[in-house]
N, C-alpha and C. Protein backbone atom coordinates (compact mmCIF):
# COMPACT_ATOMS: atom_id res chain seq x y z
N MET A 1 0.82 -1.21 0.00
CA MET A 1 0.00 0.00 0.00
C MET A 1 0.86 1.27 0.00
N LEU A 2 1.94 1.22 0.77
CA LEU A 2 2.83 2.39 0.78
C LEU A 2 3.44 2.62 -0.60
N VAL A 3 3.72 1.52 -1.29
CA VAL A 3 4.26 1.64 -2.64
C VAL A 3 3.23 2.28 -3.56
N GLU A 4 1.97 1.89 -3.40
CA GLU A 4 0.91 2.46 -4.22
C GLU A 4 0.71 3.94 -3.90
N ALA A 5 0.82 4.29 -2.61
CA ALA A 5 0.70 5.69 -2.23
C ALA A 5 1.84 6.52 -2.83
N TRP A 6 3.05 5.96 -2.79
CA TRP A 6 4.19 6.66 -3.39
C TRP A 6 4.03 6.78 -4.90
N THR A 7 3.50 5.75 -5.52
CA THR A 7 3.26 5.79 -6.97
C THR A 7 2.26 6.89 -7.32
N TYR A 8 1.24 7.03 -6.47
CA TYR A 8 0.26 8.09 -6.73
C TYR A 8 0.91 9.46 -6.61
N LEU A 9 1.76 9.62 -5.59
CA LEU A 9 2.45 10.91 -5.41
C LEU A 9 3.31 11.25 -6.62
N VAL A 10 4.05 10.26 -7.09
CA VAL A 10 4.92 10.49 -8.23
C VAL A 10 4.11 10.80 -9.49
N GLY A 11 2.94 10.19 -9.61
CA GLY A 11 2.13 10.39 -10.80
C GLY A 11 1.28 11.64 -10.79
N HIS A 12 1.09 12.25 -9.61
CA HIS A 12 0.25 13.45 -9.50
C HIS A 12 0.98 14.54 -8.70
N PRO A 13 2.13 14.99 -9.16
CA PRO A 13 2.89 15.98 -8.38
C PRO A 13 2.18 17.33 -8.26
N ALA A 14 1.49 17.76 -9.31
CA ALA A 14 0.82 19.07 -9.26
C ALA A 14 -0.27 19.08 -8.19
N GLN A 15 -1.05 18.01 -8.14
CA GLN A 15 -2.13 17.92 -7.15
C GLN A 15 -1.55 17.89 -5.74
N PHE A 16 -0.45 17.15 -5.57
CA PHE A 16 0.16 17.07 -4.25
C PHE A 16 0.70 18.42 -3.80
N TRP A 17 1.48 19.09 -4.65
CA TRP A 17 2.11 20.34 -4.24
C TRP A 17 1.08 21.44 -4.01
N LYS A 18 -0.02 21.40 -4.75
CA LYS A 18 -1.08 22.38 -4.51
C LYS A 18 -1.68 22.16 -3.12
N ALA A 19 -2.00 20.91 -2.79
CA ALA A 19 -2.57 20.61 -1.47
C ALA A 19 -1.56 20.91 -0.37
N PHE A 20 -0.28 20.60 -0.62
CA PHE A 20 0.76 20.87 0.36
C PHE A 20 0.89 22.36 0.61
N GLY A 21 0.87 23.16 -0.46
CA GLY A 21 0.96 24.61 -0.30
C GLY A 21 -0.19 25.19 0.49
N VAL A 22 -1.40 24.72 0.22
CA VAL A 22 -2.56 25.19 0.98
C VAL A 22 -2.43 24.80 2.45
N HIS A 23 -1.96 23.57 2.70
CA HIS A 23 -1.81 23.09 4.07
C HIS A 23 -0.82 23.95 4.85
N VAL A 24 0.33 24.21 4.24
CA VAL A 24 1.35 25.04 4.89
C VAL A 24 0.83 26.47 5.09
N SER A 25 0.13 27.01 4.10
CA SER A 25 -0.42 28.37 4.22
C SER A 25 -1.42 28.46 5.36
N LEU A 26 -2.29 27.46 5.48
CA LEU A 26 -3.25 27.43 6.59
C LEU A 26 -2.52 27.43 7.92
N SER A 27 -1.51 26.58 8.04
CA SER A 27 -0.80 26.43 9.31
C SER A 27 -0.04 27.69 9.68
N LEU A 28 0.69 28.25 8.72
CA LEU A 28 1.48 29.45 9.01
C LEU A 28 0.60 30.65 9.34
N ALA A 29 -0.49 30.81 8.59
CA ALA A 29 -1.40 31.94 8.85
C ALA A 29 -2.02 31.82 10.24
N ALA A 30 -2.45 30.62 10.61
CA ALA A 30 -3.06 30.42 11.93
C ALA A 30 -2.05 30.68 13.04
N LEU A 31 -0.81 30.21 12.88
CA LEU A 31 0.21 30.43 13.90
C LEU A 31 0.58 31.91 14.02
N ALA A 32 0.64 32.60 12.89
CA ALA A 32 0.97 34.03 12.91
C ALA A 32 -0.11 34.83 13.63
N PHE A 33 -1.37 34.57 13.30
CA PHE A 33 -2.47 35.30 13.94
C PHE A 33 -2.54 34.96 15.43
N ALA A 34 -2.38 33.68 15.76
CA ALA A 34 -2.44 33.27 17.18
C ALA A 34 -1.32 33.92 17.98
N SER A 35 -0.12 33.99 17.41
CA SER A 35 1.01 34.61 18.11
C SER A 35 0.77 36.10 18.31
N ALA A 36 0.24 36.76 17.27
CA ALA A 36 -0.02 38.20 17.35
C ALA A 36 -1.08 38.52 18.40
N ILE A 37 -1.97 37.57 18.65
CA ILE A 37 -3.03 37.80 19.64
C ILE A 37 -2.59 37.37 21.04
N ALA A 38 -2.04 36.15 21.15
CA ALA A 38 -1.80 35.55 22.46
C ALA A 38 -0.60 36.13 23.18
N ILE A 39 0.49 36.44 22.46
CA ILE A 39 1.69 36.92 23.15
C ILE A 39 1.47 38.28 23.81
N PRO A 40 0.93 39.29 23.11
CA PRO A 40 0.68 40.57 23.81
C PRO A 40 -0.30 40.43 24.98
N ILE A 41 -1.35 39.63 24.79
CA ILE A 41 -2.32 39.44 25.89
C ILE A 41 -1.64 38.74 27.06
N GLY A 42 -0.84 37.71 26.78
CA GLY A 42 -0.17 36.98 27.85
C GLY A 42 0.80 37.85 28.63
N VAL A 43 1.56 38.69 27.92
CA VAL A 43 2.50 39.60 28.59
C VAL A 43 1.74 40.59 29.46
N ARG A 44 0.62 41.06 28.96
CA ARG A 44 -0.16 42.06 29.70
C ARG A 44 -0.82 41.46 30.95
N LEU A 45 -1.25 40.19 30.84
CA LEU A 45 -1.96 39.57 31.96
C LEU A 45 -1.02 38.94 32.99
N ALA A 46 0.24 38.75 32.63
CA ALA A 46 1.15 38.00 33.49
C ALA A 46 1.32 38.64 34.86
N ASP A 47 1.28 39.97 34.94
CA ASP A 47 1.48 40.66 36.22
C ASP A 47 0.19 40.82 37.02
N ARG A 48 -0.91 40.34 36.46
CA ARG A 48 -2.20 40.41 37.16
C ARG A 48 -2.61 38.99 37.55
N LYS A 49 -2.44 38.68 38.82
CA LYS A 49 -2.55 37.29 39.27
C LYS A 49 -3.91 36.68 38.94
N MET A 50 -5.00 37.34 39.31
CA MET A 50 -6.33 36.77 39.09
C MET A 50 -6.67 36.69 37.61
N SER A 51 -6.32 37.73 36.86
CA SER A 51 -6.59 37.72 35.43
C SER A 51 -5.79 36.63 34.73
N ALA A 52 -4.53 36.47 35.15
CA ALA A 52 -3.69 35.42 34.56
C ALA A 52 -4.26 34.04 34.86
N LEU A 53 -4.72 33.84 36.10
CA LEU A 53 -5.30 32.55 36.48
C LEU A 53 -6.56 32.26 35.66
N ALA A 54 -7.41 33.28 35.50
CA ALA A 54 -8.63 33.11 34.71
C ALA A 54 -8.31 32.80 33.25
N ALA A 55 -7.31 33.48 32.70
CA ALA A 55 -6.93 33.25 31.30
C ALA A 55 -6.36 31.85 31.11
N ILE A 56 -5.53 31.38 32.06
CA ILE A 56 -4.95 30.04 31.96
C ILE A 56 -6.05 28.98 32.05
N ASN A 57 -6.99 29.17 32.97
CA ASN A 57 -8.08 28.20 33.09
C ASN A 57 -8.95 28.17 31.84
N ALA A 58 -9.24 29.36 31.29
CA ALA A 58 -10.04 29.42 30.07
C ALA A 58 -9.30 28.76 28.90
N ALA A 59 -7.99 29.00 28.83
CA ALA A 59 -7.20 28.39 27.75
C ALA A 59 -7.15 26.88 27.90
N ASN A 60 -7.01 26.39 29.13
CA ASN A 60 -6.97 24.94 29.34
C ASN A 60 -8.30 24.29 28.98
N ILE A 61 -9.39 25.00 29.24
CA ILE A 61 -10.70 24.47 28.82
C ILE A 61 -10.76 24.42 27.29
N GLY A 62 -10.24 25.47 26.65
CA GLY A 62 -10.23 25.49 25.19
C GLY A 62 -9.40 24.37 24.59
N ARG A 63 -8.35 23.95 25.30
CA ARG A 63 -7.49 22.87 24.79
C ARG A 63 -8.19 21.53 24.81
N THR A 64 -9.25 21.40 25.61
CA THR A 64 -9.97 20.12 25.66
C THR A 64 -10.91 19.94 24.48
N LEU A 65 -11.19 21.01 23.74
CA LEU A 65 -12.11 20.90 22.61
C LEU A 65 -11.42 20.19 21.44
N PRO A 66 -12.06 19.20 20.85
CA PRO A 66 -11.46 18.54 19.68
C PRO A 66 -11.36 19.51 18.50
N SER A 67 -10.34 19.31 17.69
CA SER A 67 -10.14 20.19 16.54
C SER A 67 -11.34 20.17 15.60
N ILE A 68 -11.93 19.01 15.40
CA ILE A 68 -13.06 18.91 14.49
C ILE A 68 -14.26 19.69 15.02
N ALA A 69 -14.39 19.78 16.37
CA ALA A 69 -15.49 20.53 16.95
C ALA A 69 -15.31 22.03 16.71
N VAL A 70 -14.09 22.52 16.84
CA VAL A 70 -13.81 23.94 16.59
C VAL A 70 -14.10 24.27 15.13
N LEU A 71 -13.65 23.41 14.23
CA LEU A 71 -13.89 23.63 12.81
C LEU A 71 -15.38 23.57 12.49
N ALA A 72 -16.09 22.65 13.13
CA ALA A 72 -17.53 22.54 12.90
C ALA A 72 -18.28 23.77 13.41
N LEU A 73 -17.82 24.34 14.53
CA LEU A 73 -18.45 25.55 15.06
C LEU A 73 -18.21 26.75 14.15
N ALA A 74 -17.05 26.76 13.48
CA ALA A 74 -16.74 27.89 12.61
C ALA A 74 -17.60 27.89 11.35
N MET A 75 -18.03 26.72 10.91
CA MET A 75 -18.75 26.64 9.63
C MET A 75 -20.08 27.38 9.63
N PRO A 76 -20.97 27.20 10.63
CA PRO A 76 -22.23 27.95 10.58
C PRO A 76 -22.07 29.45 10.83
N LEU A 77 -20.96 29.83 11.48
CA LEU A 77 -20.76 31.25 11.79
C LEU A 77 -20.06 31.99 10.66
N LEU A 78 -19.09 31.33 10.03
CA LEU A 78 -18.25 32.00 9.03
C LEU A 78 -18.38 31.41 7.63
N GLY A 79 -19.07 30.29 7.52
CA GLY A 79 -19.19 29.66 6.21
C GLY A 79 -18.06 28.68 5.97
N THR A 80 -17.78 28.42 4.71
CA THR A 80 -16.74 27.47 4.35
C THR A 80 -15.65 28.17 3.53
N GLY A 81 -14.50 27.52 3.46
CA GLY A 81 -13.41 28.08 2.66
C GLY A 81 -12.14 28.26 3.46
N PHE A 82 -11.18 28.95 2.87
CA PHE A 82 -9.86 29.13 3.47
C PHE A 82 -9.91 29.98 4.72
N LEU A 83 -10.60 31.14 4.67
CA LEU A 83 -10.62 32.06 5.80
C LEU A 83 -11.27 31.46 7.04
N PRO A 84 -12.45 30.84 6.94
CA PRO A 84 -13.01 30.19 8.14
C PRO A 84 -12.09 29.13 8.72
N SER A 85 -11.37 28.42 7.86
CA SER A 85 -10.43 27.42 8.35
C SER A 85 -9.29 28.07 9.12
N VAL A 86 -8.79 29.20 8.63
CA VAL A 86 -7.72 29.92 9.33
C VAL A 86 -8.21 30.40 10.70
N VAL A 87 -9.43 30.92 10.75
CA VAL A 87 -9.98 31.40 12.02
C VAL A 87 -10.08 30.25 13.02
N ALA A 88 -10.61 29.11 12.57
CA ALA A 88 -10.75 27.96 13.46
C ALA A 88 -9.40 27.45 13.93
N LEU A 89 -8.43 27.36 13.03
CA LEU A 89 -7.09 26.90 13.42
C LEU A 89 -6.39 27.90 14.33
N THR A 90 -6.69 29.19 14.16
CA THR A 90 -6.13 30.19 15.07
C THR A 90 -6.65 29.96 16.49
N LEU A 91 -7.92 29.65 16.62
CA LEU A 91 -8.49 29.35 17.94
C LEU A 91 -7.84 28.12 18.55
N ILE A 92 -7.50 27.14 17.71
CA ILE A 92 -6.82 25.94 18.21
C ILE A 92 -5.41 26.28 18.69
N ALA A 93 -4.75 27.20 17.99
CA ALA A 93 -3.36 27.54 18.31
C ALA A 93 -3.23 28.47 19.51
N LEU A 94 -4.26 29.21 19.85
CA LEU A 94 -4.17 30.22 20.90
C LEU A 94 -3.80 29.68 22.29
N PRO A 95 -4.48 28.64 22.81
CA PRO A 95 -4.26 28.26 24.22
C PRO A 95 -2.82 27.95 24.59
N PRO A 96 -2.07 27.09 23.84
CA PRO A 96 -0.69 26.82 24.28
C PRO A 96 0.19 28.05 24.29
N ILE A 97 0.02 28.93 23.31
CA ILE A 97 0.86 30.13 23.25
C ILE A 97 0.52 31.06 24.41
N LEU A 98 -0.77 31.24 24.69
CA LEU A 98 -1.19 32.12 25.78
C LEU A 98 -0.70 31.60 27.12
N VAL A 99 -0.91 30.31 27.39
CA VAL A 99 -0.50 29.73 28.67
C VAL A 99 1.01 29.83 28.85
N ASN A 100 1.77 29.51 27.82
CA ASN A 100 3.23 29.55 27.96
C ASN A 100 3.76 30.97 28.07
N THR A 101 3.10 31.92 27.41
CA THR A 101 3.54 33.31 27.55
C THR A 101 3.34 33.79 28.99
N ILE A 102 2.18 33.54 29.53
CA ILE A 102 1.91 33.94 30.93
C ILE A 102 2.88 33.23 31.87
N THR A 103 3.07 31.93 31.68
CA THR A 103 3.96 31.16 32.55
C THR A 103 5.40 31.64 32.44
N GLY A 104 5.85 31.87 31.20
CA GLY A 104 7.23 32.31 31.00
C GLY A 104 7.53 33.64 31.66
N VAL A 105 6.61 34.60 31.57
CA VAL A 105 6.82 35.91 32.18
C VAL A 105 6.71 35.83 33.70
N ARG A 106 5.77 35.05 34.20
CA ARG A 106 5.56 34.96 35.65
C ARG A 106 6.70 34.22 36.35
N GLU A 107 7.40 33.35 35.64
CA GLU A 107 8.46 32.57 36.28
C GLU A 107 9.79 33.31 36.36
N ILE A 108 9.85 34.52 35.82
CA ILE A 108 11.08 35.29 35.91
C ILE A 108 11.33 35.68 37.36
N ASP A 109 12.57 35.55 37.80
CA ASP A 109 12.93 35.87 39.18
C ASP A 109 12.62 37.35 39.47
N PRO A 110 11.79 37.64 40.47
CA PRO A 110 11.47 39.03 40.79
C PRO A 110 12.70 39.87 41.12
N ASP A 111 13.75 39.23 41.67
CA ASP A 111 14.97 39.96 42.00
C ASP A 111 15.63 40.52 40.74
N VAL A 112 15.53 39.79 39.63
CA VAL A 112 16.10 40.27 38.37
C VAL A 112 15.37 41.53 37.91
N ILE A 113 14.05 41.50 38.02
CA ILE A 113 13.25 42.67 37.61
C ILE A 113 13.52 43.85 38.53
N ASP A 114 13.61 43.58 39.83
CA ASP A 114 13.91 44.66 40.78
C ASP A 114 15.28 45.27 40.51
N ALA A 115 16.25 44.42 40.17
CA ALA A 115 17.59 44.93 39.87
C ALA A 115 17.56 45.81 38.62
N ALA A 116 16.78 45.40 37.62
CA ALA A 116 16.67 46.20 36.40
C ALA A 116 16.04 47.55 36.68
N ARG A 117 15.00 47.55 37.50
CA ARG A 117 14.36 48.82 37.85
C ARG A 117 15.28 49.67 38.71
N GLY A 118 16.08 49.01 39.55
CA GLY A 118 17.04 49.75 40.36
C GLY A 118 18.12 50.41 39.51
N MET A 119 18.35 49.89 38.31
CA MET A 119 19.31 50.49 37.39
C MET A 119 18.70 51.62 36.58
N GLY A 120 17.42 51.91 36.85
CA GLY A 120 16.78 53.04 36.18
C GLY A 120 16.01 52.67 34.93
N MET A 121 15.78 51.40 34.68
CA MET A 121 15.02 51.01 33.49
C MET A 121 13.55 51.33 33.67
N SER A 122 12.92 51.77 32.59
CA SER A 122 11.49 52.00 32.60
C SER A 122 10.76 50.66 32.43
N ASN A 123 9.43 50.68 32.60
CA ASN A 123 8.65 49.45 32.44
C ASN A 123 8.81 48.88 31.04
N HIS A 124 8.84 49.75 30.04
CA HIS A 124 9.01 49.29 28.66
C HIS A 124 10.38 48.65 28.45
N GLU A 125 11.42 49.24 29.04
CA GLU A 125 12.76 48.67 28.92
C GLU A 125 12.87 47.34 29.65
N VAL A 126 12.22 47.24 30.81
CA VAL A 126 12.22 45.97 31.55
C VAL A 126 11.55 44.88 30.71
N LEU A 127 10.44 45.24 30.07
CA LEU A 127 9.74 44.27 29.23
C LEU A 127 10.59 43.86 28.04
N ARG A 128 11.20 44.84 27.36
CA ARG A 128 11.93 44.57 26.12
C ARG A 128 13.27 43.89 26.37
N ARG A 129 13.96 44.29 27.45
CA ARG A 129 15.33 43.82 27.65
C ARG A 129 15.44 42.70 28.69
N ILE A 130 14.43 42.53 29.53
CA ILE A 130 14.51 41.53 30.59
C ILE A 130 13.44 40.45 30.43
N LYS A 131 12.17 40.87 30.48
CA LYS A 131 11.09 39.89 30.53
C LYS A 131 11.00 39.05 29.26
N LEU A 132 10.90 39.71 28.11
CA LEU A 132 10.72 38.96 26.87
C LEU A 132 11.90 38.05 26.54
N PRO A 133 13.15 38.52 26.64
CA PRO A 133 14.26 37.59 26.35
C PRO A 133 14.29 36.37 27.26
N LEU A 134 13.98 36.58 28.56
CA LEU A 134 14.00 35.45 29.48
C LEU A 134 12.80 34.52 29.27
N ALA A 135 11.70 35.05 28.78
CA ALA A 135 10.50 34.24 28.59
C ALA A 135 10.45 33.57 27.22
N VAL A 136 11.32 33.97 26.30
CA VAL A 136 11.28 33.45 24.93
C VAL A 136 11.32 31.92 24.86
N PRO A 137 12.21 31.23 25.59
CA PRO A 137 12.22 29.76 25.47
C PRO A 137 10.88 29.12 25.84
N VAL A 138 10.23 29.62 26.89
CA VAL A 138 8.95 29.05 27.29
C VAL A 138 7.86 29.40 26.27
N ILE A 139 7.89 30.64 25.78
CA ILE A 139 6.93 31.04 24.75
C ILE A 139 7.09 30.19 23.50
N PHE A 140 8.34 29.96 23.12
CA PHE A 140 8.58 29.20 21.90
C PHE A 140 8.18 27.74 22.07
N ALA A 141 8.27 27.22 23.29
CA ALA A 141 7.77 25.86 23.53
C ALA A 141 6.26 25.80 23.28
N GLY A 142 5.55 26.85 23.67
CA GLY A 142 4.13 26.92 23.37
C GLY A 142 3.86 27.00 21.88
N LEU A 143 4.71 27.75 21.17
CA LEU A 143 4.58 27.83 19.71
C LEU A 143 4.80 26.47 19.06
N ARG A 144 5.75 25.72 19.55
CA ARG A 144 5.99 24.37 19.00
C ARG A 144 4.78 23.48 19.23
N THR A 145 4.21 23.54 20.42
CA THR A 145 3.01 22.74 20.70
C THR A 145 1.87 23.14 19.78
N SER A 146 1.68 24.44 19.63
CA SER A 146 0.62 24.94 18.74
C SER A 146 0.87 24.52 17.30
N ALA A 147 2.13 24.55 16.87
CA ALA A 147 2.46 24.17 15.50
C ALA A 147 2.06 22.73 15.21
N VAL A 148 2.35 21.84 16.15
CA VAL A 148 2.00 20.43 15.96
C VAL A 148 0.48 20.28 15.91
N GLN A 149 -0.24 20.96 16.80
CA GLN A 149 -1.70 20.86 16.83
C GLN A 149 -2.32 21.45 15.57
N VAL A 150 -1.78 22.55 15.10
CA VAL A 150 -2.35 23.21 13.91
C VAL A 150 -2.07 22.38 12.66
N VAL A 151 -0.85 21.86 12.54
CA VAL A 151 -0.52 21.06 11.36
C VAL A 151 -1.42 19.82 11.28
N SER A 152 -1.65 19.19 12.43
CA SER A 152 -2.54 18.02 12.43
C SER A 152 -4.00 18.43 12.25
N GLY A 153 -4.40 19.55 12.87
CA GLY A 153 -5.78 20.00 12.74
C GLY A 153 -6.11 20.50 11.35
N ALA A 154 -5.10 20.99 10.63
CA ALA A 154 -5.34 21.51 9.28
C ALA A 154 -5.82 20.42 8.33
N VAL A 155 -5.54 19.17 8.66
CA VAL A 155 -6.04 18.06 7.84
C VAL A 155 -7.56 18.08 7.80
N LEU A 156 -8.17 18.45 8.94
CA LEU A 156 -9.63 18.44 9.04
C LEU A 156 -10.26 19.64 8.37
N ALA A 157 -9.45 20.63 7.98
CA ALA A 157 -9.99 21.82 7.33
C ALA A 157 -10.68 21.49 6.02
N THR A 158 -10.32 20.35 5.44
CA THR A 158 -10.96 19.95 4.18
C THR A 158 -12.46 19.77 4.34
N PHE A 159 -12.92 19.44 5.56
CA PHE A 159 -14.35 19.19 5.78
C PHE A 159 -15.16 20.48 5.80
N ILE A 160 -14.50 21.65 5.90
CA ILE A 160 -15.22 22.92 5.78
C ILE A 160 -14.69 23.72 4.59
N GLY A 161 -14.15 23.00 3.63
CA GLY A 161 -13.74 23.64 2.38
C GLY A 161 -12.42 24.35 2.43
N GLY A 162 -11.57 24.04 3.43
CA GLY A 162 -10.30 24.73 3.56
C GLY A 162 -9.21 24.17 2.67
N GLY A 163 -9.40 22.96 2.17
CA GLY A 163 -8.38 22.34 1.32
C GLY A 163 -7.24 21.78 2.14
N GLY A 164 -6.11 21.61 1.50
CA GLY A 164 -4.94 21.07 2.19
C GLY A 164 -4.79 19.58 1.95
N LEU A 165 -3.90 18.97 2.74
CA LEU A 165 -3.63 17.55 2.57
C LEU A 165 -4.81 16.67 2.93
N GLY A 166 -5.75 17.20 3.68
CA GLY A 166 -6.95 16.43 4.02
C GLY A 166 -7.80 16.08 2.82
N ASP A 167 -7.59 16.77 1.71
CA ASP A 167 -8.33 16.44 0.49
C ASP A 167 -8.08 15.01 0.05
N PHE A 168 -6.87 14.51 0.33
CA PHE A 168 -6.57 13.13 -0.05
C PHE A 168 -7.41 12.14 0.76
N ILE A 169 -7.74 12.51 2.01
CA ILE A 169 -8.56 11.63 2.85
C ILE A 169 -9.98 11.56 2.28
N THR A 170 -10.57 12.72 2.00
CA THR A 170 -11.94 12.72 1.48
C THR A 170 -12.02 12.03 0.12
N SER A 171 -11.02 12.25 -0.71
CA SER A 171 -11.01 11.58 -2.02
C SER A 171 -10.85 10.07 -1.85
N GLY A 172 -9.98 9.66 -0.92
CA GLY A 172 -9.77 8.24 -0.68
C GLY A 172 -11.01 7.56 -0.13
N ILE A 173 -11.72 8.25 0.78
CA ILE A 173 -12.96 7.69 1.31
C ILE A 173 -14.01 7.58 0.22
N ALA A 174 -14.13 8.63 -0.61
CA ALA A 174 -15.14 8.62 -1.66
C ALA A 174 -14.89 7.51 -2.67
N MET A 175 -13.63 7.22 -2.97
CA MET A 175 -13.30 6.21 -3.98
C MET A 175 -12.92 4.86 -3.35
N MET A 176 -13.00 4.79 -1.97
CA MET A 176 -12.62 3.58 -1.26
C MET A 176 -11.19 3.17 -1.64
N ALA A 177 -10.31 4.16 -1.72
CA ALA A 177 -8.92 3.92 -2.10
C ALA A 177 -8.02 4.17 -0.90
N LEU A 178 -7.60 3.11 -0.22
CA LEU A 178 -6.76 3.24 0.97
C LEU A 178 -5.39 3.86 0.65
N PRO A 179 -4.74 3.51 -0.46
CA PRO A 179 -3.45 4.15 -0.76
C PRO A 179 -3.56 5.67 -0.86
N LEU A 180 -4.69 6.17 -1.37
CA LEU A 180 -4.87 7.61 -1.48
C LEU A 180 -4.94 8.25 -0.11
N MET A 181 -5.58 7.56 0.85
CA MET A 181 -5.64 8.08 2.21
C MET A 181 -4.26 8.04 2.87
N LEU A 182 -3.46 7.03 2.50
CA LEU A 182 -2.11 6.93 3.07
C LEU A 182 -1.21 8.06 2.59
N VAL A 183 -1.51 8.63 1.42
CA VAL A 183 -0.74 9.78 0.94
C VAL A 183 -0.77 10.88 1.97
N ASN A 184 -1.96 11.16 2.54
CA ASN A 184 -2.08 12.19 3.57
C ASN A 184 -1.29 11.81 4.80
N ASP A 185 -1.36 10.55 5.23
CA ASP A 185 -0.67 10.14 6.45
C ASP A 185 0.84 10.33 6.33
N VAL A 186 1.40 9.89 5.20
CA VAL A 186 2.84 10.03 5.00
C VAL A 186 3.23 11.50 4.99
N ASP A 187 2.49 12.31 4.28
CA ASP A 187 2.80 13.74 4.20
C ASP A 187 2.63 14.42 5.55
N GLU A 188 1.62 14.02 6.28
CA GLU A 188 1.35 14.65 7.58
C GLU A 188 2.48 14.37 8.56
N VAL A 189 2.95 13.14 8.57
CA VAL A 189 4.08 12.80 9.44
C VAL A 189 5.31 13.61 9.06
N ALA A 190 5.55 13.76 7.75
CA ALA A 190 6.71 14.52 7.29
C ALA A 190 6.60 15.99 7.69
N VAL A 191 5.43 16.59 7.50
CA VAL A 191 5.24 18.00 7.84
C VAL A 191 5.35 18.20 9.35
N GLY A 192 4.74 17.31 10.14
CA GLY A 192 4.82 17.44 11.59
C GLY A 192 6.24 17.30 12.10
N SER A 193 7.00 16.35 11.53
CA SER A 193 8.40 16.17 11.94
C SER A 193 9.23 17.39 11.58
N ASP A 194 8.99 17.95 10.40
CA ASP A 194 9.72 19.16 10.00
C ASP A 194 9.39 20.32 10.92
N ALA A 195 8.11 20.45 11.31
CA ALA A 195 7.72 21.53 12.20
C ALA A 195 8.43 21.42 13.54
N ARG A 196 8.50 20.21 14.09
CA ARG A 196 9.20 20.02 15.37
C ARG A 196 10.69 20.27 15.22
N ARG A 197 11.27 19.82 14.10
CA ARG A 197 12.70 20.01 13.88
C ARG A 197 13.06 21.48 13.74
N VAL A 198 12.26 22.20 12.95
CA VAL A 198 12.50 23.64 12.77
C VAL A 198 12.32 24.37 14.09
N GLY A 199 11.30 23.98 14.87
CA GLY A 199 11.07 24.62 16.16
C GLY A 199 12.23 24.40 17.12
N ALA A 200 12.75 23.17 17.17
CA ALA A 200 13.87 22.89 18.06
C ALA A 200 15.12 23.65 17.64
N LEU A 201 15.37 23.71 16.33
CA LEU A 201 16.55 24.44 15.84
C LEU A 201 16.44 25.93 16.13
N THR A 202 15.25 26.50 15.89
CA THR A 202 15.06 27.93 16.15
C THR A 202 15.19 28.24 17.63
N LEU A 203 14.63 27.38 18.48
CA LEU A 203 14.73 27.60 19.92
C LEU A 203 16.19 27.54 20.37
N ALA A 204 16.96 26.61 19.82
CA ALA A 204 18.38 26.52 20.18
C ALA A 204 19.13 27.79 19.79
N ARG A 205 18.80 28.33 18.60
CA ARG A 205 19.46 29.56 18.16
C ARG A 205 19.05 30.75 19.02
N ILE A 206 17.78 30.80 19.41
CA ILE A 206 17.32 31.90 20.27
C ILE A 206 18.03 31.85 21.62
N ARG A 207 18.14 30.64 22.19
CA ARG A 207 18.84 30.51 23.47
C ARG A 207 20.30 30.92 23.35
N ALA A 208 20.94 30.53 22.24
CA ALA A 208 22.33 30.92 22.05
C ALA A 208 22.47 32.43 21.92
N ALA A 209 21.52 33.06 21.21
CA ALA A 209 21.55 34.52 21.07
C ALA A 209 21.34 35.21 22.41
N ILE A 210 20.44 34.66 23.24
CA ILE A 210 20.19 35.24 24.56
C ILE A 210 21.43 35.13 25.44
N ARG A 211 22.09 33.96 25.40
CA ARG A 211 23.32 33.79 26.20
C ARG A 211 24.41 34.73 25.72
N ALA A 212 24.51 34.89 24.39
CA ALA A 212 25.53 35.80 23.85
C ALA A 212 25.25 37.24 24.27
N GLY A 213 23.95 37.62 24.21
CA GLY A 213 23.59 38.97 24.62
C GLY A 213 23.83 39.21 26.09
N SER A 214 23.56 38.18 26.91
CA SER A 214 23.81 38.32 28.35
C SER A 214 25.30 38.45 28.64
N ALA A 215 26.12 37.68 27.89
CA ALA A 215 27.57 37.77 28.08
C ALA A 215 28.11 39.13 27.68
N ASP A 216 27.58 39.67 26.57
CA ASP A 216 28.04 40.99 26.12
C ASP A 216 27.68 42.07 27.13
N SER A 217 26.45 41.97 27.68
CA SER A 217 26.01 42.99 28.64
C SER A 217 26.74 42.89 29.95
N ALA A 218 27.27 41.66 30.24
CA ALA A 218 27.98 41.48 31.49
C ALA A 218 29.42 41.95 31.44
N GLU A 219 29.95 42.16 30.23
CA GLU A 219 31.33 42.61 30.11
C GLU A 219 31.47 44.05 30.58
N PRO A 220 32.52 44.35 31.32
CA PRO A 220 32.71 45.73 31.80
C PRO A 220 33.06 46.64 30.64
N PRO A 221 32.66 47.91 30.70
CA PRO A 221 32.98 48.83 29.61
C PRO A 221 34.47 49.07 29.54
N PRO A 222 35.01 49.32 28.34
CA PRO A 222 36.45 49.53 28.19
C PRO A 222 36.89 50.80 28.92
N GLN A 223 38.10 50.74 29.47
CA GLN A 223 38.65 51.91 30.20
C GLN A 223 39.14 52.96 29.25
């Protein structure tokens, strides 16, 4: 069956790359919108204990919703197509990023923040130079979790007209062709593995940049 799935891929490259492009576009758009929403909100709520607790609890409740349920809820409200799929996938991506942003900022040692303020830094400088750099690894871990959930959830976008690699599943079910359904499985595993690999590599580079920046700032000024 895997051989038949590979044969189909080789014989229909245009169909595959079109579905692959839509799948990647759905995933990247949802992650971008979710990051633009969740990170500023998480940073803002992190210093407010009750608000942060309420946001974390709400996000954890949202994480229990199945991806197909979120997509199904989007269909009667927004219709079908690419945009409703992006909105639904953005909702799926929000909770891990929001929770990790709040957690990352709240776990910063208060003594570090007090020392920064004692050096005369404003709240904006503390946020830009202290809080965000120290919270980046935790935030990025949330992004990696969201990326895996969105890439897998994007398969289901085909059921509300979003397209993507899930089209191979619906086509395979309609024609009772198991190799066609396996095309999606193989591609999905490859995309998910690449997403995790890219996330790990990017996180390692961010950590290295943070350590380098900390070392530079710790060096005494030249005499």
